[in-house]
């Protein structure tokens, strides 16, 4: 989640996620009473955190550490995956998604596990050229 909130920092649009209104950082740091996009109670349970204040302090620490260590570079594992983290977490997400992720496997990359999105092919598929119509300009 920290890496997602650093997208606009990586893009050079802002210096800190708090400067970008539409992100999870502001939602966690200043929770809304209504129309929240984050289920704070479930997030706290998932992270084994006792209350909202602890969540805010923990998350702020993660963001500050990532910014200080320049861990705000783009990484495909965060943008091209359904779930990223420890093996047990990624497997749990896969199990919960059931048929929606049928055929996808949990992959390990440098000690981090991922459940990846399937590769999307938007260009010309040379293996299936006979099923392609090339338009003349």
Protein backbone atom coordinates (compact mmCIF):
# COMPACT_ATOMS: atom_id res chain seq x y z
CA UNK A 1 0.00 0.00 0.00
CA UNK A 2 2.88 2.38 0.73
CA UNK A 3 4.16 1.94 -2.80
CA UNK A 4 0.77 2.76 -4.25
CA UNK A 5 0.65 6.02 -2.31
CA UNK A 6 4.09 6.90 -3.63
CA UNK A 7 2.97 6.80 -7.28
CA UNK A 8 2.62 10.58 -7.57
CA UNK A 9 5.92 11.06 -5.75
CA UNK A 10 7.61 8.75 -8.27
CA UNK A 11 5.99 10.70 -11.08
CA UNK A 12 7.37 13.97 -9.65
CA UNK A 13 3.91 15.48 -9.22
CA UNK A 14 4.25 15.88 -5.42
CA UNK A 15 7.02 15.58 -2.83
CA UNK A 16 4.91 13.67 -0.30
CA UNK A 17 1.71 11.57 -0.63
CA UNK A 18 -0.16 13.96 1.70
CA UNK A 19 0.00 16.57 -1.10
CA UNK A 20 -2.11 14.37 -3.40
CA UNK A 21 -5.74 14.52 -2.31
CA UNK A 22 -6.99 11.27 -3.86
CA UNK A 23 -4.91 8.57 -2.23
CA UNK A 24 -4.92 6.12 0.64
CA UNK A 25 -2.42 8.14 2.67
CA UNK A 26 -4.87 10.94 3.40
CA UNK A 27 -7.68 8.45 3.95
CA UNK A 28 -5.63 6.67 6.62
CA UNK A 29 -4.20 9.80 8.23
CA UNK A 30 -7.53 11.67 8.33
CA UNK A 31 -10.31 9.07 8.15
CA UNK A 32 -13.67 10.26 6.88
CA UNK A 33 -16.81 9.72 8.94
CA UNK A 34 -18.78 8.81 5.81
CA UNK A 35 -18.03 7.50 2.34
CA UNK A 36 -14.65 6.11 3.28
CA UNK A 37 -12.83 4.11 0.63
CA UNK A 38 -10.88 2.12 3.24
CA UNK A 39 -12.42 -0.29 5.72
CA UNK A 40 -10.27 0.81 8.66
CA UNK A 41 -11.44 -1.91 11.05
CA UNK A 42 -10.62 -4.67 8.58
CA UNK A 43 -7.26 -3.07 7.79
CA UNK A 44 -6.41 -2.83 11.48
CA UNK A 45 -7.38 -6.49 12.01
CA UNK A 46 -5.39 -7.57 8.96
CA UNK A 47 -2.28 -5.68 10.13
CA UNK A 48 -2.81 -6.83 13.74
CA UNK A 49 -3.09 -3.22 14.90
CA UNK A 50 -5.26 -2.31 17.87
CA UNK A 51 -6.70 1.09 16.92
CA UNK A 52 -6.80 3.94 14.43
CA UNK A 53 -4.09 5.98 16.12
CA UNK A 54 -1.67 3.04 15.99
CA UNK A 55 -2.58 2.52 12.32
CA UNK A 56 -1.85 6.18 11.51
CA UNK A 57 1.49 6.16 13.33
CA UNK A 58 2.55 2.86 11.78
CA UNK A 59 1.56 3.87 8.26
CA UNK A 60 3.19 7.30 8.56
CA UNK A 61 6.38 5.53 9.65
CA UNK A 62 6.27 3.21 6.65
CA UNK A 63 5.82 6.12 4.24
CA UNK A 64 8.53 8.24 5.90
CA UNK A 65 10.94 5.29 5.81
CA UNK A 66 10.20 4.59 2.15
CA UNK A 67 10.76 8.25 1.26
CA UNK A 68 13.98 8.47 3.31
CA UNK A 69 15.38 5.27 1.77
CA UNK A 70 14.35 6.33 -1.74
CA UNK A 71 12.12 3.27 -2.02
CA UNK A 72 9.78 5.26 -4.18
CA UNK A 73 11.09 3.88 -7.46
CA UNK A 74 8.67 2.11 -9.75
CA UNK A 75 8.46 -1.65 -9.37
CA UNK A 76 6.34 -3.90 -11.55
CA UNK A 77 5.52 -6.21 -8.65
CA UNK A 78 3.39 -3.46 -7.10
CA UNK A 79 1.64 -2.32 -10.24
CA UNK A 80 1.21 -5.61 -12.09
CA UNK A 81 0.15 -7.86 -9.23
CA UNK A 82 -3.10 -8.65 -7.52
CA UNK A 83 -1.37 -9.33 -4.19
CA UNK A 84 2.20 -8.87 -2.94
CA UNK A 85 3.75 -9.91 0.37
CA UNK A 86 4.46 -12.95 2.47
CA UNK A 87 3.57 -16.31 0.96
CA UNK A 88 0.76 -16.97 3.45
CA UNK A 89 -0.87 -13.60 2.71
CA UNK A 90 -0.69 -13.97 -1.08
CA UNK A 91 -2.01 -17.54 -0.89
CA UNK A 92 -4.88 -16.36 1.32
CA UNK A 93 -5.80 -13.65 -1.23
CA UNK A 94 -5.68 -16.25 -4.00
CA UNK A 95 -7.92 -18.61 -2.04
CA UNK A 96 -10.40 -15.82 -1.27
CA UNK A 97 -10.58 -14.78 -4.94
CA UNK A 98 -11.30 -18.37 -5.96
CA UNK A 99 -12.39 -18.83 -9.58
CA UNK A 100 -11.48 -15.21 -10.45
CA UNK A 101 -7.78 -16.11 -10.35
CA UNK A 102 -8.11 -19.66 -11.69
CA UNK A 103 -4.88 -20.83 -13.29
CA UNK A 104 -2.71 -18.13 -11.73
CA UNK A 105 0.13 -19.24 -9.52
CA UNK A 106 1.86 -17.58 -6.57
CA UNK A 107 5.37 -16.55 -7.67
CA UNK A 108 8.40 -15.77 -5.52
CA UNK A 109 10.76 -12.95 -6.51
CA UNK A 110 13.68 -12.13 -4.23
CA UNK A 111 11.85 -13.24 -1.08
CA UNK A 112 8.60 -11.46 -1.97
CA UNK A 113 5.58 -13.43 -3.15
CA UNK A 114 3.16 -12.22 -5.84
CA UNK A 115 -0.11 -13.20 -7.41
CA UNK A 116 0.24 -11.58 -10.80
CA UNK A 117 -2.24 -10.30 -13.32
CA UNK A 118 -2.14 -12.21 -16.61
CA UNK A 119 -0.02 -10.64 -19.33
CA UNK A 120 -2.16 -8.47 -21.58
CA UNK A 121 -1.36 -8.38 -25.26
CA UNK A 122 -2.38 -5.20 -26.97
CA UNK A 123 -0.02 -5.38 -29.90
CA UNK A 124 0.18 -7.66 -32.90
CA UNK A 125 0.36 -11.31 -31.89
CA UNK A 126 2.70 -12.85 -34.45
CA UNK A 127 1.62 -16.39 -33.49
CA UNK A 128 -1.96 -15.59 -34.42
CA UNK A 129 -1.41 -13.38 -37.46
CA UNK A 130 -4.02 -15.21 -39.56
CA UNK A 131 -6.71 -13.92 -37.19
CA UNK A 132 -5.62 -10.29 -37.70
CA UNK A 133 -6.84 -7.73 -40.19
CA UNK A 134 -4.29 -5.07 -41.01
CA UNK A 135 -5.93 -1.79 -42.08
CA UNK A 136 -4.48 0.27 -44.88
CA UNK A 137 -4.07 3.97 -44.24
